[in-house]
Amino acid sequence: MELKDTVKGMMSDDYKERMAAEYHQTKIRYEKLKKLNTRMEAKVICTSSAAEPQLNGTPARLLRDQQRIMGEYLHILELRAEIEEIFI
């Protein structure tokens, strides 16, 4: 699934469809960020560099924090989906 595949759901009048689309959008972004963070961490391990890696001036630790918070948000959406019987 790609972000463009979630547009219809985000435009829905049904909150359950919008929530499912929001979940999928967040999941897509989370997985891309996770992949980026993994590559950056592996690069540090392989180069034994003491300097913290950055992406366009953004420190890696900030990107890891963003990934962690996105993961927590995904968990909240998953709990709501279970409680409200929303198929995600």
Foldseek 3Di string as FASTA:
>chain_A
DDLVVLVVLCPDPDVLSNLVSVLVHLVVVLVVLVVVLVVQVVVCVVVVDPDFDDDVNHGSVVSVVVSVVSVVVSVVSVVVCVVVVRDD
